[in-house]
């Protein structure tokens, strides 16, 4: 898939404020500081599209970007940022779950995981919740450039193997690096395939 244009459309605090449109949507979510904005900008070939920030936990709204006038890329707030107040965290979790469970246009959720870290309980709970809610999703391992090339594939495979304790069928996964533009073709091809269906 070639991305010819990508533009910011709207930031919404509730599902009802999201675009009244039937175009397919692909949501990106992960723990704070997982490299979500950098990945979105790399996928779209658009450096300042999603605001990257040195401070984790900046995304507090549902951000819609229209891609090629055909589909939406949706940037969801990160989960599990410790410095947020309990009430803000609960409000965000409610907003995220309502969007994921209620949004009919949602085709797939991409869950971003930093490939350098051991499995975190908060990621695991979110992945299991998606499965129980029967929401189609994939995993994108980010920051692959921060590991030695020989360690990347084994790290991803080891992570996926750990899911087998509850998952009979594993979700698809991709390995990415915003720095090296790794994984871009594969992720966009995956979206293109779903759009064709």
Protein backbone atom coordinates (compact mmCIF):
# COMPACT_ATOMS: atom_id res chain seq x y z
CA UNK A 1 0.00 0.00 0.00
CA UNK A 2 1.24 3.44 -0.89
CA UNK A 3 0.23 6.24 1.46
CA UNK A 4 -0.35 9.32 -0.65
CA UNK A 5 -1.86 11.50 2.02
CA UNK A 6 -2.55 11.40 5.72
CA UNK A 7 -4.15 14.13 7.78
CA UNK A 8 -5.40 14.74 11.27
CA UNK A 9 -9.21 14.85 11.46
CA UNK A 10 -10.42 15.11 15.06
CA UNK A 11 -9.62 14.45 18.73
CA UNK A 12 -12.57 13.00 20.63
CA UNK A 13 -13.18 12.61 24.34
CA UNK A 14 -16.05 10.15 23.80
CA UNK A 15 -17.06 7.58 21.18
CA UNK A 16 -20.05 9.72 20.19
CA UNK A 17 -17.70 12.53 19.09
CA UNK A 18 -15.81 10.25 16.68
CA UNK A 19 -16.37 10.78 12.93
CA UNK A 20 -19.86 9.85 11.73
CA UNK A 21 -18.45 7.81 8.91
CA UNK A 22 -18.46 4.21 7.75
CA UNK A 23 -14.81 4.02 6.63
CA UNK A 24 -12.77 1.23 8.26
CA UNK A 25 -10.71 2.13 11.33
CA UNK A 26 -7.46 0.67 12.68
CA UNK A 27 -6.59 1.54 16.26
CA UNK A 28 -3.08 1.71 17.73
CA UNK A 29 -2.59 1.36 21.46
CA UNK A 30 0.12 0.42 23.94
CA UNK A 31 1.70 1.28 27.24
CA UNK A 32 2.94 4.82 27.66
CA UNK A 33 6.30 5.43 25.96
CA UNK A 34 6.09 2.36 23.72
CA UNK A 35 6.87 4.47 20.62
CA UNK A 36 3.33 4.76 19.27
CA UNK A 37 3.55 8.26 17.78
CA UNK A 38 6.90 7.50 16.13
CA UNK A 39 5.45 4.31 14.62
CA UNK A 40 2.35 6.12 13.30
CA UNK A 41 4.49 8.85 11.73
CA UNK A 42 6.76 6.23 10.14
CA UNK A 43 3.82 4.24 8.74
CA UNK A 44 2.28 7.38 7.24
CA UNK A 45 5.57 8.89 6.00
CA UNK A 46 4.53 12.03 7.80
CA UNK A 47 6.96 13.25 10.41
CA UNK A 48 4.75 15.48 12.55
CA UNK A 49 1.42 13.70 12.08
CA UNK A 50 1.15 12.21 15.56
CA UNK A 51 2.76 14.40 18.19
CA UNK A 52 5.78 12.65 19.68
CA UNK A 53 6.72 13.67 23.17
CA UNK A 54 9.49 12.98 25.64
CA UNK A 55 6.85 12.89 28.37
CA UNK A 56 4.91 9.63 28.39
CA UNK A 57 1.15 9.63 28.74
CA UNK A 58 0.50 12.65 26.53
CA UNK A 59 -2.32 11.22 24.39
CA UNK A 60 -5.53 11.72 26.36
CA UNK A 61 -8.06 11.66 23.53
CA UNK A 62 -9.09 9.39 20.63
CA UNK A 63 -7.23 10.86 17.64
CA UNK A 64 -8.49 10.12 14.11
CA UNK A 65 -6.24 10.47 11.06
CA UNK A 66 -7.65 9.90 7.57
CA UNK A 67 -5.35 7.92 5.27
CA UNK A 68 -5.65 8.17 1.45
CA UNK A 69 -9.22 9.41 2.08
CA UNK A 70 -10.09 5.70 2.42
CA UNK A 71 -9.52 4.57 6.02
CA UNK A 72 -8.80 5.92 9.47
CA UNK A 73 -5.78 5.34 11.63
CA UNK A 74 -6.85 5.85 15.25
CA UNK A 75 -4.34 6.81 17.94
CA UNK A 76 -5.67 5.72 21.34
CA UNK A 77 -4.30 6.89 24.72
CA UNK A 78 -1.59 4.73 26.25
CA UNK A 79 -2.54 2.64 29.26
CA UNK A 80 -0.76 2.13 32.56
CA UNK A 81 0.96 5.47 33.02
CA UNK A 82 1.74 5.54 36.75
CA UNK A 83 1.91 9.31 37.19
CA UNK A 84 -1.72 9.87 36.23
CA UNK A 85 -4.29 10.27 38.96
CA UNK A 86 -6.60 7.29 39.57
CA UNK A 87 -9.63 9.23 38.32
CA UNK A 88 -7.92 10.26 35.06
CA UNK A 89 -6.71 6.69 34.54
CA UNK A 90 -10.21 5.28 35.10
CA UNK A 91 -11.75 7.83 32.75
CA UNK A 92 -9.23 6.92 30.05
CA UNK A 93 -9.79 3.18 30.50
CA UNK A 94 -13.53 3.72 30.20
CA UNK A 95 -13.08 5.81 27.04
CA UNK A 96 -10.75 3.21 25.47
CA UNK A 97 -13.00 0.25 26.27
CA UNK A 98 -16.12 2.04 25.02
CA UNK A 99 -14.40 2.91 21.76
CA UNK A 100 -13.10 -0.66 21.25
CA UNK A 101 -16.38 -2.37 22.19
CA UNK A 102 -18.84 0.03 20.55
CA UNK A 103 -17.15 1.27 17.40
CA UNK A 104 -18.54 -0.77 14.50
CA UNK A 105 -16.03 0.65 12.02
CA UNK A 106 -13.13 -0.78 14.03
CA UNK A 107 -11.48 -3.51 11.95
CA UNK A 108 -8.40 -4.26 14.01
CA UNK A 109 -6.51 -3.16 17.11
CA UNK A 110 -2.71 -3.04 16.92
CA UNK A 111 -1.26 -3.58 20.40
CA UNK A 112 2.25 -2.13 20.66
CA UNK A 113 4.81 -3.89 22.86
CA UNK A 114 8.39 -2.73 23.49
CA UNK A 115 10.43 -5.72 22.31
CA UNK A 116 13.20 -5.04 24.88
CA UNK A 117 11.10 -5.80 27.93
CA UNK A 118 9.85 -9.01 29.52
CA UNK A 119 6.07 -9.49 29.29
CA UNK A 120 4.29 -6.98 31.53
CA UNK A 121 1.11 -7.92 33.36
CA UNK A 122 -0.73 -4.81 32.12
CA UNK A 123 -0.10 -5.73 28.45
CA UNK A 124 -1.13 -9.30 29.10
CA UNK A 125 -4.38 -8.24 30.77
CA UNK A 126 -5.22 -5.97 27.85
CA UNK A 127 -4.43 -8.68 25.27
CA UNK A 128 -6.54 -11.23 27.15
CA UNK A 129 -9.40 -8.72 27.45
CA UNK A 130 -9.36 -8.16 23.67
CA UNK A 131 -9.51 -11.93 23.17
CA UNK A 132 -12.40 -12.40 25.60
CA UNK A 133 -14.23 -9.48 23.96
CA UNK A 134 -13.65 -11.12 20.53
CA UNK A 135 -11.95 -8.04 19.10
CA UNK A 136 -9.59 -8.74 16.17
CA UNK A 137 -6.08 -7.61 17.03
CA UNK A 138 -2.37 -8.00 16.25
CA UNK A 139 0.76 -7.32 18.21
CA UNK A 140 3.42 -4.93 16.95
CA UNK A 141 6.79 -5.20 18.66
CA UNK A 142 8.40 -1.74 18.64
CA UNK A 143 11.97 -0.44 19.03
CA UNK A 144 13.58 -3.47 17.34
CA UNK A 145 16.59 -1.26 16.48
CA UNK A 146 17.40 -1.10 20.22
CA UNK A 147 18.24 -4.84 20.28
CA UNK A 148 21.07 -6.65 18.53
CA UNK A 149 19.70 -7.94 15.17
CA UNK A 150 20.25 -11.57 16.21
CA UNK A 151 18.10 -11.09 19.34
CA UNK A 152 15.04 -9.54 17.68
CA UNK A 153 13.32 -12.61 16.25
CA UNK A 154 13.97 -14.83 19.32
CA UNK A 155 12.62 -12.09 21.63
CA UNK A 156 9.39 -11.77 19.63
CA UNK A 157 8.95 -15.55 19.40
CA UNK A 158 9.59 -16.01 23.13
CA UNK A 159 6.95 -13.39 23.93
CA UNK A 160 4.38 -15.06 21.68
CA UNK A 161 5.14 -18.48 23.17
CA UNK A 162 4.27 -17.16 26.62
CA UNK A 163 0.74 -16.42 25.38
CA UNK A 164 0.18 -20.12 24.75
CA UNK A 165 -0.72 -20.71 28.39
CA UNK A 166 -4.21 -19.32 27.61
CA UNK A 167 -4.26 -18.86 23.84
CA UNK A 168 -4.82 -21.82 21.56
CA UNK A 169 -4.43 -19.72 18.44
CA UNK A 170 -1.91 -16.89 18.62
CA UNK A 171 -2.69 -13.48 17.10
CA UNK A 172 -0.57 -12.26 14.17
CA UNK A 173 2.46 -10.18 15.09
CA UNK A 174 4.88 -7.76 13.43
CA UNK A 175 8.34 -6.52 14.36
CA UNK A 176 8.94 -2.82 13.83
CA UNK A 177 11.42 0.00 14.24
CA UNK A 178 10.41 3.60 13.55
CA UNK A 179 14.11 4.50 13.27
CA UNK A 180 14.91 1.85 10.66
CA UNK A 181 11.42 1.90 9.05
CA UNK A 182 11.22 -1.82 9.77
CA UNK A 183 7.85 -3.55 9.51
CA UNK A 184 6.20 -0.75 7.54
CA UNK A 185 5.41 -2.75 4.39
CA UNK A 186 4.09 -5.74 6.35
CA UNK A 187 1.77 -3.70 8.59
CA UNK A 188 0.37 -1.64 5.69
CA UNK A 189 -0.11 -4.78 3.56
CA UNK A 190 -2.04 -6.35 6.43
CA UNK A 191 -4.35 -3.31 6.61
CA UNK A 192 -4.75 -3.35 2.82
CA UNK A 193 -5.77 -7.03 2.90
CA UNK A 194 -8.48 -6.35 5.50
CA UNK A 195 -9.72 -3.33 3.52
CA UNK A 196 -10.09 -5.49 0.40
CA UNK A 197 -12.32 -7.92 2.30
